[in-house]
N, C-alpha and C. Protein backbone atom coordinates (compact mmCIF):
# COMPACT_ATOMS: atom_id res chain seq x y z
N UNK A 1 3.54 24.96 -2.78
CA UNK A 1 2.44 24.72 -3.76
C UNK A 1 1.13 25.09 -2.75
N UNK A 2 0.25 25.50 -3.31
CA UNK A 2 -0.83 26.08 -2.08
C UNK A 2 -1.78 24.90 -1.39
N UNK A 3 -2.03 25.39 -0.09
CA UNK A 3 -2.49 24.02 0.60
C UNK A 3 -4.18 23.26 -0.72
N UNK A 4 -4.93 24.28 -1.10
CA UNK A 4 -5.77 24.02 -2.06
C UNK A 4 -5.57 23.08 -3.21
N UNK A 5 -4.30 23.65 -3.94
CA UNK A 5 -4.13 22.90 -4.93
C UNK A 5 -3.29 21.46 -4.78
N UNK A 6 -2.84 21.32 -3.44
CA UNK A 6 -2.12 20.28 -3.17
C UNK A 6 -3.00 19.24 -2.83
N UNK A 7 -4.16 19.52 -2.03
CA UNK A 7 -5.14 19.04 -1.63
C UNK A 7 -6.08 18.42 -3.32
N UNK A 8 -6.19 19.22 -4.16
CA UNK A 8 -6.64 19.03 -5.08
C UNK A 8 -6.03 17.90 -6.06
N UNK A 9 -4.63 17.88 -6.14
CA UNK A 9 -3.62 16.96 -6.67
C UNK A 9 -3.96 15.52 -6.23
N UNK A 10 -4.31 15.58 -4.57
CA UNK A 10 -4.10 14.37 -4.02
C UNK A 10 -5.76 13.55 -4.17
N UNK A 11 -6.70 14.49 -4.44
CA UNK A 11 -8.15 14.36 -4.34
C UNK A 11 -7.76 13.31 -6.00
N UNK A 12 -7.30 13.98 -7.11
CA UNK A 12 -7.22 13.61 -8.27
C UNK A 12 -6.54 12.23 -7.78
N UNK A 13 -5.00 11.82 -7.50
CA UNK A 13 -4.70 10.37 -7.41
C UNK A 13 -5.71 9.71 -6.68
N UNK A 14 -6.88 10.04 -5.59
CA UNK A 14 -7.65 8.66 -5.15
C UNK A 14 -8.72 8.58 -6.36
N UNK A 15 -9.36 9.82 -6.64
CA UNK A 15 -10.30 9.60 -7.99
C UNK A 15 -10.12 8.62 -8.75
N UNK A 16 -9.13 9.08 -9.18
CA UNK A 16 -8.51 8.44 -10.77
C UNK A 16 -8.31 7.03 -10.56
N UNK A 17 -8.07 6.43 -9.14
CA UNK A 17 -6.91 4.86 -9.12
C UNK A 17 -7.49 3.98 -10.09
N UNK A 18 -8.91 3.75 -9.76
CA UNK A 18 -9.60 2.72 -10.12
C UNK A 18 -10.11 2.90 -11.55
N UNK A 19 -10.92 4.46 -12.16
CA UNK A 19 -11.66 4.71 -13.10
C UNK A 19 -10.63 4.74 -14.30
N UNK A 20 -9.63 5.35 -14.08
CA UNK A 20 -8.33 5.16 -14.77
C UNK A 20 -7.83 3.63 -15.58
N UNK A 21 -7.47 2.85 -14.31
CA UNK A 21 -6.35 1.54 -14.40
C UNK A 21 -7.45 0.47 -15.25
N UNK A 22 -6.99 0.01 -15.84
CA UNK A 22 -7.32 -1.01 -16.91
C UNK A 22 -7.70 -2.17 -15.64
N UNK A 23 -8.34 -2.18 -14.76
CA UNK A 23 -8.62 -3.55 -13.86
C UNK A 23 -9.37 -4.68 -14.96
N UNK A 24 -8.80 -5.84 -14.15
CA UNK A 24 -9.25 -6.57 -14.76
C UNK A 24 -9.97 -7.75 -13.87
N UNK A 25 -10.95 -8.80 -13.99
CA UNK A 25 -11.49 -9.66 -12.86
C UNK A 25 -10.85 -10.78 -13.69
N UNK A 26 -9.70 -11.68 -12.67
CA UNK A 26 -9.08 -12.59 -13.12
C UNK A 26 -9.60 -13.86 -12.24
N UNK A 27 -10.41 -14.51 -12.71
CA UNK A 27 -11.23 -15.27 -12.12
C UNK A 27 -10.26 -16.80 -12.36
N UNK A 28 -9.82 -17.67 -11.52
CA UNK A 28 -8.85 -18.91 -11.56
C UNK A 28 -9.98 -19.85 -12.08
N UNK A 29 -8.99 -20.53 -13.12
CA UNK A 29 -9.90 -22.00 -13.61
C UNK A 29 -11.02 -22.42 -12.77
N UNK A 30 -12.04 -22.87 -12.73
CA UNK A 30 -12.83 -23.53 -12.12
C UNK A 30 -13.28 -22.77 -10.61
N UNK A 31 -13.07 -21.50 -10.82
CA UNK A 31 -13.31 -20.72 -9.36
C UNK A 31 -14.39 -19.98 -9.87
N UNK A 32 -15.31 -19.46 -9.11
CA UNK A 32 -16.48 -18.91 -9.04
C UNK A 32 -16.19 -17.84 -7.64
N UNK A 33 -17.01 -16.66 -8.22
CA UNK A 33 -17.09 -15.48 -7.21
C UNK A 33 -18.10 -15.92 -6.28
N UNK A 34 -17.93 -15.90 -4.82
CA UNK A 34 -18.52 -15.80 -3.94
C UNK A 34 -18.72 -14.65 -3.19
N UNK A 35 -19.88 -14.91 -1.90
CA UNK A 35 -19.88 -13.62 -1.17
C UNK A 35 -18.76 -13.44 -0.32
N UNK A 36 -18.33 -12.07 -0.33
CA UNK A 36 -17.05 -11.89 0.60
C UNK A 36 -15.75 -12.24 -0.13
N UNK A 37 -15.73 -12.62 -1.42
CA UNK A 37 -14.54 -12.64 -2.51
C UNK A 37 -14.67 -11.87 -3.54
N UNK A 38 -14.01 -10.88 -3.61
CA UNK A 38 -14.44 -10.31 -4.68
C UNK A 38 -13.29 -9.38 -5.48
N UNK A 39 -13.29 -8.96 -6.63
CA UNK A 39 -11.95 -8.32 -7.54
C UNK A 39 -12.58 -7.20 -8.05
N UNK A 40 -11.87 -6.60 -8.72
CA UNK A 40 -11.45 -5.41 -9.25
C UNK A 40 -12.42 -5.36 -10.78
N UNK A 41 -13.19 -4.34 -10.74
CA UNK A 41 -13.93 -4.22 -12.16
C UNK A 41 -13.73 -2.79 -12.61
N UNK A 42 -13.58 -2.51 -13.95
CA UNK A 42 -13.70 -1.43 -14.14
C UNK A 42 -14.78 -0.54 -14.20
N UNK A 43 -14.74 0.81 -13.27
CA UNK A 43 -16.05 1.62 -13.70
C UNK A 43 -16.52 1.83 -11.76
N UNK A 44 -16.33 0.44 -11.08
CA UNK A 44 -16.83 0.38 -9.74
C UNK A 44 -16.28 1.71 -8.68
N UNK A 45 -17.34 2.16 -7.95
CA UNK A 45 -16.93 3.21 -7.30
C UNK A 45 -15.88 2.83 -6.06
N UNK A 46 -15.41 3.48 -6.07
CA UNK A 46 -14.10 3.16 -4.80
C UNK A 46 -14.36 4.38 -3.46
N UNK A 47 -14.29 3.59 -2.69
CA UNK A 47 -14.51 4.63 -1.25
C UNK A 47 -13.44 4.42 -0.24
N UNK A 48 -12.27 4.84 -0.71
CA UNK A 48 -11.15 4.38 0.25
C UNK A 48 -11.21 5.31 1.62
N UNK A 49 -10.70 4.79 2.76
CA UNK A 49 -10.24 5.90 3.46
C UNK A 49 -9.84 7.50 3.24
N UNK A 50 -10.48 8.30 4.08
CA UNK A 50 -9.94 9.41 3.86
C UNK A 50 -8.30 9.78 4.05
N UNK A 51 -8.01 10.80 3.36
CA UNK A 51 -7.02 11.41 3.38
C UNK A 51 -6.67 11.90 5.05
N UNK A 52 -5.76 11.35 5.55
CA UNK A 52 -5.30 12.01 7.14
C UNK A 52 -5.94 11.17 7.85
N UNK A 53 -6.59 10.17 7.60
CA UNK A 53 -6.68 8.84 8.88
C UNK A 53 -5.53 8.22 9.20
N UNK A 54 -5.55 8.33 10.44
CA UNK A 54 -4.25 7.27 10.91
C UNK A 54 -4.69 5.91 10.79
N UNK A 55 -3.19 5.14 10.32
CA UNK A 55 -2.83 4.05 10.13
C UNK A 55 -3.78 3.18 11.11
N UNK A 56 -4.31 2.08 10.75
CA UNK A 56 -5.16 1.47 11.46
C UNK A 56 -4.25 0.17 12.01
N UNK A 57 -4.63 -0.13 13.52
CA UNK A 57 -3.59 -1.36 13.80
C UNK A 57 -3.69 -2.56 12.77
N UNK A 58 -2.76 -3.31 12.65
CA UNK A 58 -2.57 -4.28 11.77
C UNK A 58 -3.34 -5.60 12.62
N UNK A 59 -4.60 -5.65 13.14
CA UNK A 59 -4.73 -6.68 14.29
C UNK A 59 -5.73 -7.50 12.98
N UNK A 60 -5.88 -8.83 13.50
CA UNK A 60 -6.72 -9.90 12.81
C UNK A 60 -6.04 -10.87 11.64
N UNK A 61 -4.68 -10.63 11.25
CA UNK A 61 -4.30 -11.63 10.13
C UNK A 61 -4.23 -12.84 10.98
N UNK A 62 -4.13 -14.38 10.02
CA UNK A 62 -4.52 -15.15 10.28
C UNK A 62 -2.98 -16.05 10.37
N UNK A 63 -2.06 -15.33 9.85
CA UNK A 63 -0.90 -15.59 9.58
C UNK A 63 0.32 -14.38 9.40
N UNK A 64 1.45 -14.57 9.94
CA UNK A 64 2.79 -13.49 9.18
C UNK A 64 3.71 -14.09 8.40
N UNK A 65 4.26 -13.69 7.31
CA UNK A 65 5.70 -14.05 6.88
C UNK A 65 6.64 -12.79 6.98
N UNK A 66 8.00 -13.00 7.27
CA UNK A 66 8.77 -11.90 7.67
C UNK A 66 9.17 -11.16 8.55
N UNK A 67 8.41 -11.72 9.53
CA UNK A 67 8.04 -10.82 10.64
C UNK A 67 6.65 -10.48 11.42
N UNK A 68 6.55 -10.33 12.83
CA UNK A 68 5.39 -10.17 13.49
C UNK A 68 4.74 -9.08 13.30
N UNK A 69 3.09 -8.77 13.79
CA UNK A 69 2.37 -7.72 13.70
C UNK A 69 3.33 -6.68 14.54
N UNK A 70 4.10 -7.13 15.35
CA UNK A 70 4.69 -6.18 16.69
C UNK A 70 5.66 -5.52 15.86
N UNK A 71 6.59 -6.37 15.08
CA UNK A 71 7.59 -5.90 14.35
C UNK A 71 7.05 -4.79 13.21
N UNK A 72 6.01 -5.51 12.43
CA UNK A 72 5.43 -4.31 11.08
C UNK A 72 4.83 -2.96 11.72
N UNK A 73 4.43 -3.25 13.01
CA UNK A 73 3.82 -1.90 13.80
C UNK A 73 5.17 -0.90 14.04
N UNK A 74 6.10 -1.48 14.71
CA UNK A 74 7.07 -0.90 15.12
C UNK A 74 8.05 -0.52 13.86
N UNK A 75 8.00 -0.95 12.75
CA UNK A 75 8.49 -0.47 11.70
C UNK A 75 8.13 0.90 11.13
N UNK A 76 6.46 0.73 11.31
CA UNK A 76 5.83 1.90 10.71
C UNK A 76 5.59 2.93 11.18
N UNK A 77 6.26 3.09 12.48
CA UNK A 77 6.64 4.24 13.54
C UNK A 77 8.01 4.60 12.89
N UNK A 78 8.55 4.53 12.46
CA UNK A 78 10.15 4.59 12.03
C UNK A 78 10.13 5.87 10.72
N UNK A 79 8.77 5.55 10.30
CA UNK A 79 8.93 6.67 8.84
C UNK A 79 7.66 6.41 8.19
N UNK A 80 7.83 7.47 6.85
CA UNK A 80 6.69 6.86 5.80
C UNK A 80 6.87 5.56 5.47
N UNK A 81 5.22 4.85 5.26
CA UNK A 81 4.90 3.74 5.21
C UNK A 81 3.92 3.48 4.39
N UNK A 82 4.64 2.11 3.06
CA UNK A 82 3.57 1.71 2.09
C UNK A 82 3.00 0.71 2.16
N UNK A 83 1.99 0.27 2.63
CA UNK A 83 0.94 -0.76 2.73
C UNK A 83 0.41 -1.46 1.45
N UNK A 84 1.14 -2.47 1.12
CA UNK A 84 0.26 -3.35 -0.64
C UNK A 84 -0.45 -4.36 -0.31
N UNK A 85 -1.53 -4.04 -0.58
CA UNK A 85 -2.16 -5.27 -0.65
C UNK A 85 -2.34 -6.06 -2.18
N UNK A 86 -2.29 -7.32 -1.89
CA UNK A 86 -1.86 -8.39 -3.12
C UNK A 86 -2.70 -9.61 -2.99
N UNK A 87 -2.52 -10.55 -3.92
CA UNK A 87 -3.33 -11.68 -3.87
C UNK A 87 -2.43 -12.60 -5.21
N UNK A 88 -2.65 -14.13 -4.42
CA UNK A 88 -1.81 -15.05 -5.70
C UNK A 88 -2.62 -15.13 -6.67
N UNK A 89 -3.85 -15.04 -6.87
CA UNK A 89 -4.73 -14.90 -7.83
C UNK A 89 -4.31 -13.51 -8.90
N UNK A 90 -3.83 -12.98 -8.41
CA UNK A 90 -3.86 -11.56 -8.98
C UNK A 90 -2.53 -11.44 -9.97
N UNK A 91 -2.75 -11.47 -11.18
CA UNK A 91 -1.59 -11.46 -12.14
C UNK A 91 -0.82 -10.00 -12.27
N UNK A 92 -1.98 -8.46 -12.29
CA UNK A 92 -1.44 -7.52 -12.10
C UNK A 92 -0.56 -7.52 -10.53
N UNK A 93 -0.96 -7.78 -9.78
CA UNK A 93 -0.36 -7.90 -8.52
C UNK A 93 1.48 -8.34 -8.70
N UNK A 94 1.52 -9.50 -9.12
CA UNK A 94 2.58 -9.98 -9.64
C UNK A 94 3.25 -9.25 -10.54
N UNK A 95 2.73 -8.58 -11.40
CA UNK A 95 3.52 -8.04 -12.38
C UNK A 95 4.29 -6.47 -11.58
N UNK A 96 3.66 -6.11 -10.48
CA UNK A 96 4.06 -4.89 -9.73
C UNK A 96 4.53 -5.36 -8.59
N UNK A 97 4.89 -6.42 -8.51
CA UNK A 97 5.70 -6.68 -6.95
C UNK A 97 7.37 -6.27 -7.27
N UNK A 98 7.56 -7.06 -8.25
CA UNK A 98 9.40 -6.43 -8.45
C UNK A 98 9.44 -4.90 -8.41
N UNK A 99 8.70 -3.82 -8.73
CA UNK A 99 8.43 -3.02 -8.60
C UNK A 99 8.34 -2.02 -6.96
N UNK A 100 7.48 -2.56 -6.58
CA UNK A 100 7.26 -2.44 -4.93
C UNK A 100 8.77 -2.93 -3.84
N UNK A 101 9.40 -4.01 -4.61
CA UNK A 101 10.61 -4.52 -4.21
C UNK A 101 11.47 -3.52 -4.25
N UNK A 102 11.63 -2.85 -5.43
CA UNK A 102 12.74 -2.03 -6.10
C UNK A 102 12.72 -0.55 -5.47
N UNK A 103 11.69 -0.20 -4.81
CA UNK A 103 11.09 1.08 -4.44
C UNK A 103 11.82 1.05 -2.62
N UNK A 104 11.13 -0.33 -2.20
CA UNK A 104 11.44 -1.07 -1.01
C UNK A 104 13.03 -0.66 -0.75
N UNK A 105 14.09 -1.47 -1.46
CA UNK A 105 15.27 -1.51 -1.38
C UNK A 105 15.80 0.05 -1.59
N UNK A 106 15.34 0.57 -2.60
CA UNK A 106 15.93 1.75 -3.47
C UNK A 106 15.73 3.37 -2.27
N UNK A 107 14.62 3.01 -1.49
CA UNK A 107 14.14 4.15 -0.79
C UNK A 107 13.97 3.87 0.65
N UNK A 108 14.55 2.66 0.78
CA UNK A 108 14.81 2.59 2.46
C UNK A 108 16.00 3.62 3.14
N UNK A 109 16.85 4.01 2.65
CA UNK A 109 17.47 4.96 3.07
C UNK A 109 17.02 6.38 3.52
N UNK A 110 15.97 6.57 2.58
CA UNK A 110 15.62 7.69 2.58
C UNK A 110 14.25 7.67 3.84
N UNK A 111 14.14 6.60 4.00
CA UNK A 111 12.93 6.06 5.08
C UNK A 111 11.82 5.81 5.10
N UNK A 112 11.76 4.98 3.73
CA UNK A 112 10.16 4.25 3.47
C UNK A 112 10.50 3.05 3.93
N UNK A 113 9.41 2.80 4.63
CA UNK A 113 9.29 1.27 4.95
C UNK A 113 8.17 0.52 4.31
N UNK A 114 7.80 -0.50 4.37
CA UNK A 114 6.82 -1.40 3.43
C UNK A 114 6.00 -2.32 4.07
N UNK A 115 5.28 -2.78 3.98
CA UNK A 115 4.36 -3.54 4.98
C UNK A 115 3.62 -4.21 3.77
N UNK A 116 3.44 -5.50 3.45
CA UNK A 116 2.23 -6.66 2.44
C UNK A 116 1.65 -6.89 3.58
N UNK A 117 0.45 -6.81 2.64
CA UNK A 117 -0.82 -7.90 2.60
C UNK A 117 -1.45 -8.67 1.90
N UNK A 118 -1.44 -9.95 2.29
CA UNK A 118 -2.06 -10.95 1.45
C UNK A 118 -3.58 -11.02 1.38
N UNK A 119 -4.44 -10.46 1.03
CA UNK A 119 -5.90 -10.77 0.79
C UNK A 119 -6.55 -11.40 -0.35
N UNK A 120 -6.95 -12.64 0.21
CA UNK A 120 -7.24 -13.47 -0.62
C UNK A 120 -8.59 -13.13 -1.51
N UNK A 121 -8.98 -13.49 -2.48
CA UNK A 121 -10.16 -13.04 -3.35
C UNK A 121 -10.84 -14.37 -3.67
N UNK A 122 -10.44 -15.18 -3.52
CA UNK A 122 -10.97 -16.47 -3.64
C UNK A 122 -10.90 -17.35 -2.51
N UNK A 123 -11.63 -18.75 -2.43
CA UNK A 123 -11.20 -19.43 -1.32
C UNK A 123 -9.82 -20.30 -1.79
N UNK A 124 -9.70 -20.20 -3.07
CA UNK A 124 -8.33 -21.23 -3.10
C UNK A 124 -7.03 -20.01 -2.77
N UNK A 125 -7.22 -18.76 -2.76
CA UNK A 125 -6.25 -17.64 -2.42
C UNK A 125 -6.17 -18.03 -0.91
N UNK A 126 -6.54 -18.65 -0.31
CA UNK A 126 -6.38 -18.93 1.35
C UNK A 126 -5.32 -19.82 1.14
N UNK A 127 -4.76 -20.77 0.34
CA UNK A 127 -3.41 -21.59 0.98
C UNK A 127 -2.66 -21.18 1.15
N UNK A 128 -1.96 -21.37 2.67
CA UNK A 128 -0.76 -20.58 2.93
C UNK A 128 0.63 -20.97 2.41
N UNK A 129 0.31 -22.28 1.87
CA UNK A 129 1.86 -22.62 0.99
C UNK A 129 1.78 -21.92 -0.22
N UNK A 130 0.75 -21.62 -1.14
CA UNK A 130 1.02 -20.78 -2.34
C UNK A 130 1.50 -19.59 -1.86
N UNK A 131 0.69 -19.11 -0.85
CA UNK A 131 1.27 -17.68 -0.52
C UNK A 131 2.60 -17.66 -0.27
N UNK A 132 3.21 -18.89 0.45
CA UNK A 132 4.46 -18.57 1.08
C UNK A 132 5.43 -19.10 -0.18
N UNK A 133 4.85 -19.69 -1.12
CA UNK A 133 5.93 -20.02 -2.47
C UNK A 133 6.21 -18.41 -3.27
N UNK A 134 4.67 -18.05 -3.26
CA UNK A 134 5.07 -16.55 -4.15
C UNK A 134 5.56 -15.34 -3.52
N UNK A 135 5.70 -15.54 -2.29
CA UNK A 135 6.38 -14.71 -1.45
C UNK A 135 7.97 -14.92 -1.80
N UNK A 136 8.34 -16.26 -1.46
CA UNK A 136 9.79 -16.47 -1.62
C UNK A 136 10.21 -16.32 -3.38
N UNK A 137 8.92 -16.45 -4.41
CA UNK A 137 9.20 -16.15 -5.70
C UNK A 137 9.94 -14.87 -6.15
N UNK A 138 8.87 -13.93 -5.68
CA UNK A 138 8.70 -12.62 -5.85
C UNK A 138 9.62 -11.62 -4.70
N UNK A 139 10.41 -12.49 -4.15
CA UNK A 139 11.50 -11.68 -2.81
C UNK A 139 10.70 -10.40 -2.07
N UNK A 140 9.35 -11.21 -1.24
CA UNK A 140 8.48 -10.24 -0.94
C UNK A 140 9.19 -10.16 0.85
N UNK A 141 10.32 -9.50 0.90
CA UNK A 141 10.84 -9.84 2.06
C UNK A 141 10.44 -8.74 3.39
N UNK A 142 9.64 -7.56 3.16
CA UNK A 142 9.04 -6.96 4.05
C UNK A 142 7.74 -7.93 4.88
N UNK A 143 7.47 -7.66 5.86
CA UNK A 143 6.56 -8.25 6.88
C UNK A 143 5.09 -8.36 6.07
N UNK A 144 4.98 -9.80 5.71
CA UNK A 144 3.53 -9.77 5.16
C UNK A 144 2.40 -10.47 5.98
N UNK A 145 1.19 -9.58 6.35
CA UNK A 145 -0.29 -10.13 6.78
C UNK A 145 -0.82 -11.08 5.93
N UNK A 146 -1.19 -12.24 6.07
CA UNK A 146 -2.30 -13.14 5.72
C UNK A 146 -3.71 -12.74 6.29
N UNK A 147 -4.47 -12.17 5.47
CA UNK A 147 -5.68 -11.56 5.65
C UNK A 147 -6.79 -12.67 5.26
N UNK A 148 -6.75 -13.65 5.69
CA UNK A 148 -7.54 -14.86 5.23
C UNK A 148 -8.93 -14.57 5.85
N UNK A 149 -9.08 -13.65 6.80
CA UNK A 149 -10.64 -13.33 7.44
C UNK A 149 -10.95 -12.10 6.97
N UNK A 150 -10.09 -11.60 5.98
CA UNK A 150 -10.44 -10.20 6.00
C UNK A 150 -10.59 -8.75 6.92
N UNK A 151 -10.04 -9.21 7.87
CA UNK A 151 -10.19 -8.33 8.98
C UNK A 151 -8.95 -7.10 8.79
N UNK A 152 -7.91 -7.27 8.39
CA UNK A 152 -7.42 -5.66 7.68
C UNK A 152 -7.89 -5.50 6.41
N UNK A 153 -8.54 -6.08 5.73
CA UNK A 153 -9.15 -5.43 4.55
C UNK A 153 -10.10 -4.29 4.52
N UNK A 154 -11.34 -4.93 6.11
CA UNK A 154 -12.01 -4.15 6.53
C UNK A 154 -11.02 -2.87 7.04
N UNK A 155 -10.37 -3.04 8.15
CA UNK A 155 -9.76 -1.95 8.62
C UNK A 155 -9.16 -1.11 7.96
N UNK A 156 -8.81 -1.23 6.63
CA UNK A 156 -7.98 0.08 5.49
C UNK A 156 -9.36 0.11 4.86
N UNK A 157 -10.32 -0.43 5.21
CA UNK A 157 -11.62 0.08 4.57
C UNK A 157 -11.69 -0.12 2.47
N UNK A 158 -11.17 -1.23 2.63
CA UNK A 158 -10.63 -1.81 1.18
C UNK A 158 -12.00 -2.69 0.80
N UNK A 159 -13.33 -1.88 0.94
CA UNK A 159 -14.52 -2.73 0.97
C UNK A 159 -14.66 -3.58 -0.23
N UNK A 160 -14.37 -3.22 -1.29
CA UNK A 160 -14.43 -3.95 -2.77
C UNK A 160 -13.26 -4.88 -2.84
N UNK A 161 -12.65 -5.00 -1.84
CA UNK A 161 -11.33 -5.73 -2.26
C UNK A 161 -10.35 -5.72 -3.57
N UNK A 162 -10.03 -4.69 -3.39
CA UNK A 162 -9.38 -4.02 -4.39
C UNK A 162 -8.13 -4.67 -4.60
N UNK A 163 -7.04 -5.18 -5.35
CA UNK A 163 -5.92 -5.59 -5.56
C UNK A 163 -5.51 -5.69 -6.74
N UNK A 164 -3.97 -4.77 -6.98
CA UNK A 164 -3.17 -4.66 -6.10
C UNK A 164 -3.75 -3.05 -5.39
N UNK A 165 -3.93 -2.67 -4.29
CA UNK A 165 -3.96 -1.44 -3.76
C UNK A 165 -3.15 -1.26 -2.82
N UNK A 166 -2.81 0.28 -2.68
CA UNK A 166 -1.46 1.02 -2.35
C UNK A 166 -1.71 1.76 -1.39
N UNK A 167 -1.36 1.78 0.14
CA UNK A 167 -1.82 2.90 1.04
C UNK A 167 -0.40 3.66 1.23
N UNK A 168 -0.56 4.69 0.98
CA UNK A 168 0.93 5.74 1.43
C UNK A 168 0.58 6.25 2.66
N UNK A 169 1.05 5.82 3.94
CA UNK A 169 1.26 7.04 5.33
C UNK A 169 2.45 7.79 5.42
N UNK A 170 2.43 8.79 6.03
CA UNK A 170 3.51 9.76 6.51
C UNK A 170 4.08 9.18 7.56
N UNK A 171 5.25 10.09 7.77
CA UNK A 171 5.77 9.70 9.01
C UNK A 171 5.01 9.79 10.50
N UNK A 172 3.95 10.77 10.18
CA UNK A 172 3.01 10.76 11.37
C UNK A 172 1.88 9.89 11.68
N UNK A 173 2.15 8.63 10.23
CA UNK A 173 1.07 7.51 10.30
C UNK A 173 0.00 7.79 9.93
N UNK A 174 -0.39 9.06 9.04
CA UNK A 174 -1.41 9.63 8.44
C UNK A 174 -1.18 9.27 6.83
N UNK A 175 -2.63 9.19 6.51
CA UNK A 175 -2.81 8.56 5.05
C UNK A 175 -2.63 9.60 4.32
N UNK A 176 -2.03 9.43 3.54
CA UNK A 176 -1.42 10.48 2.34
C UNK A 176 -1.91 10.33 0.97
N UNK A 177 -2.12 9.26 0.36
CA UNK A 177 -2.38 8.83 -0.55
C UNK A 177 -2.67 7.52 -0.69
N UNK A 178 -3.64 7.11 -1.66
CA UNK A 178 -4.01 6.05 -1.96
C UNK A 178 -4.34 5.29 -3.58
N UNK A 179 -3.95 4.50 -3.78
CA UNK A 179 -4.16 4.01 -5.56
C UNK A 179 -4.32 2.50 -5.45
N UNK A 180 -4.67 2.18 -6.64
CA UNK A 180 -4.86 0.63 -7.03
C UNK A 180 -5.12 0.71 -8.31
N UNK A 181 -5.08 -1.00 -8.84
CA UNK A 181 -4.82 -1.19 -10.12
C UNK A 181 -3.46 -1.22 -10.81
N UNK A 182 -3.34 -1.21 -12.04
CA UNK A 182 -2.25 -1.75 -12.89
C UNK A 182 -1.60 -0.45 -12.78
N UNK A 183 -1.77 0.66 -12.81
CA UNK A 183 -0.99 1.90 -12.76
C UNK A 183 -0.91 2.80 -11.09
N UNK A 184 -1.17 1.97 -10.38
CA UNK A 184 -1.53 2.71 -8.86
C UNK A 184 -0.25 3.01 -8.51
N UNK A 185 1.03 2.37 -8.92
CA UNK A 185 2.34 2.80 -8.53
C UNK A 185 2.96 3.77 -9.25
N UNK A 186 2.11 4.32 -10.49
CA UNK A 186 2.72 5.25 -11.63
C UNK A 186 1.79 6.55 -10.48
N UNK A 187 0.65 6.26 -10.24
CA UNK A 187 -0.11 7.36 -9.70
C UNK A 187 0.61 7.86 -8.44
N UNK A 188 0.98 6.84 -7.65
CA UNK A 188 1.40 7.06 -6.20
C UNK A 188 3.19 7.71 -6.24
N UNK A 189 3.45 7.89 -7.25
CA UNK A 189 4.86 7.99 -7.28
C UNK A 189 5.28 9.62 -6.84
N UNK A 190 4.43 10.43 -7.12
CA UNK A 190 4.73 11.70 -6.60
C UNK A 190 4.66 11.80 -5.63
N UNK A 191 3.34 11.16 -4.77
CA UNK A 191 2.77 11.00 -3.54
C UNK A 191 4.27 10.66 -2.48
N UNK A 192 4.98 9.65 -3.06
CA UNK A 192 6.10 9.15 -2.16
C UNK A 192 7.03 10.08 -2.30
N UNK A 193 7.60 10.70 -3.33
CA UNK A 193 8.59 11.66 -3.24
C UNK A 193 8.36 13.03 -2.16
N UNK A 194 7.10 13.40 -2.28
CA UNK A 194 6.33 14.31 -1.41
C UNK A 194 6.59 14.05 0.10
N UNK A 195 6.01 12.49 0.43
CA UNK A 195 5.88 12.31 1.92
C UNK A 195 7.74 11.92 2.54
N UNK A 196 8.35 11.61 1.56
CA UNK A 196 9.72 11.00 2.01
C UNK A 196 10.64 12.52 2.27
N UNK A 197 10.28 13.66 1.24
CA UNK A 197 10.73 15.21 1.24
C UNK A 197 10.56 15.65 2.51
N UNK A 198 9.39 15.79 3.00
CA UNK A 198 8.85 16.11 4.38
C UNK A 198 9.01 15.28 5.27
N UNK A 199 9.73 14.08 5.58
CA UNK A 199 10.12 13.56 6.48
C UNK A 199 11.40 13.91 6.81
N UNK A 200 12.30 14.34 5.71
CA UNK A 200 13.75 14.52 6.10
C UNK A 200 13.76 15.74 7.03
N UNK A 201 14.99 15.70 8.14
CA UNK A 201 15.21 16.45 8.73
C UNK A 201 15.62 17.81 8.20
N UNK A 202 14.99 18.72 8.77
CA UNK A 202 15.51 20.30 8.34
C UNK A 202 17.30 20.58 8.92
N UNK A 203 17.53 20.79 7.68
CA UNK A 203 19.04 21.28 7.46
C UNK A 203 19.19 22.75 8.73
N UNK A 204 20.05 22.90 9.51
CA UNK A 204 20.23 24.01 10.37
C UNK A 204 21.45 24.83 9.79
N UNK A 205 21.09 25.76 9.67
CA UNK A 205 22.55 26.70 9.14
C UNK A 205 23.23 27.08 9.74
N UNK A 206 24.51 26.57 9.34
CA UNK A 206 25.68 26.57 10.70
C UNK A 206 26.31 28.46 10.22
N UNK A 207 26.22 28.90 9.11
CA UNK A 207 26.69 29.96 8.93
C UNK A 207 26.85 31.17 9.60
N UNK A 208 27.60 31.57 9.91
CA UNK A 208 27.85 32.88 10.76
C UNK A 208 27.12 34.28 10.61
N UNK A 209 26.05 34.56 11.62
CA UNK A 209 25.28 35.55 11.51
C UNK A 209 26.00 36.89 11.13
N UNK A 210 25.75 37.97 10.07
CA UNK A 210 26.44 38.87 9.68
C UNK A 210 26.57 40.00 10.71
N UNK A 211 27.75 40.37 10.75
CA UNK A 211 27.85 41.12 11.86
C UNK A 211 26.96 42.54 11.53
N UNK A 212 27.17 43.05 13.14
CA UNK A 212 26.15 44.44 13.25
C UNK A 212 26.98 45.19 13.23
N UNK A 213 26.63 46.53 12.68
CA UNK A 213 27.52 47.70 12.24
C UNK A 213 26.36 48.54 13.42
């Protein structure tokens, strides 16, 4: 594939993510949106980090489940890494969590690493016990940062607070694709294939050289 067409394909992945996905503002009963607690709405302009940006440090989490920050950052250096943002109040996130888990297990041998970030949308979402229970229910076994101060949201330039949101980094730690919303994983699938294929060690031919006459 020519570089121009590949860049165009990736641009389509980024631009289409929240325009095409039917994002829903799921406000919990009795909760109201306050400054700093935001959610997806159809048609909002998305300003994700640029393709090629290095994966940010995972500083600022208020708590970690399933591993430490050091463990998660070391794991990300082992190969291509999917970082997914989710929230306990997001039904769309919960619908997609089993698929994230399936990718984590099925593609681990190919080198895919997965890191979760719980990003609260409402004050009620900062309940760490509710996060813990959801992690257990949906088998989130990968390291999961609790981003109650939104420091990871800011580091990943997720200024609109989109969930679910998916960041795919290659083996060199560079962002290769970003998608969000209900169809985010569908839109990311081809990019995962590309990144994992690129990370495979190149086979060296052991066939003997043809004899020179």
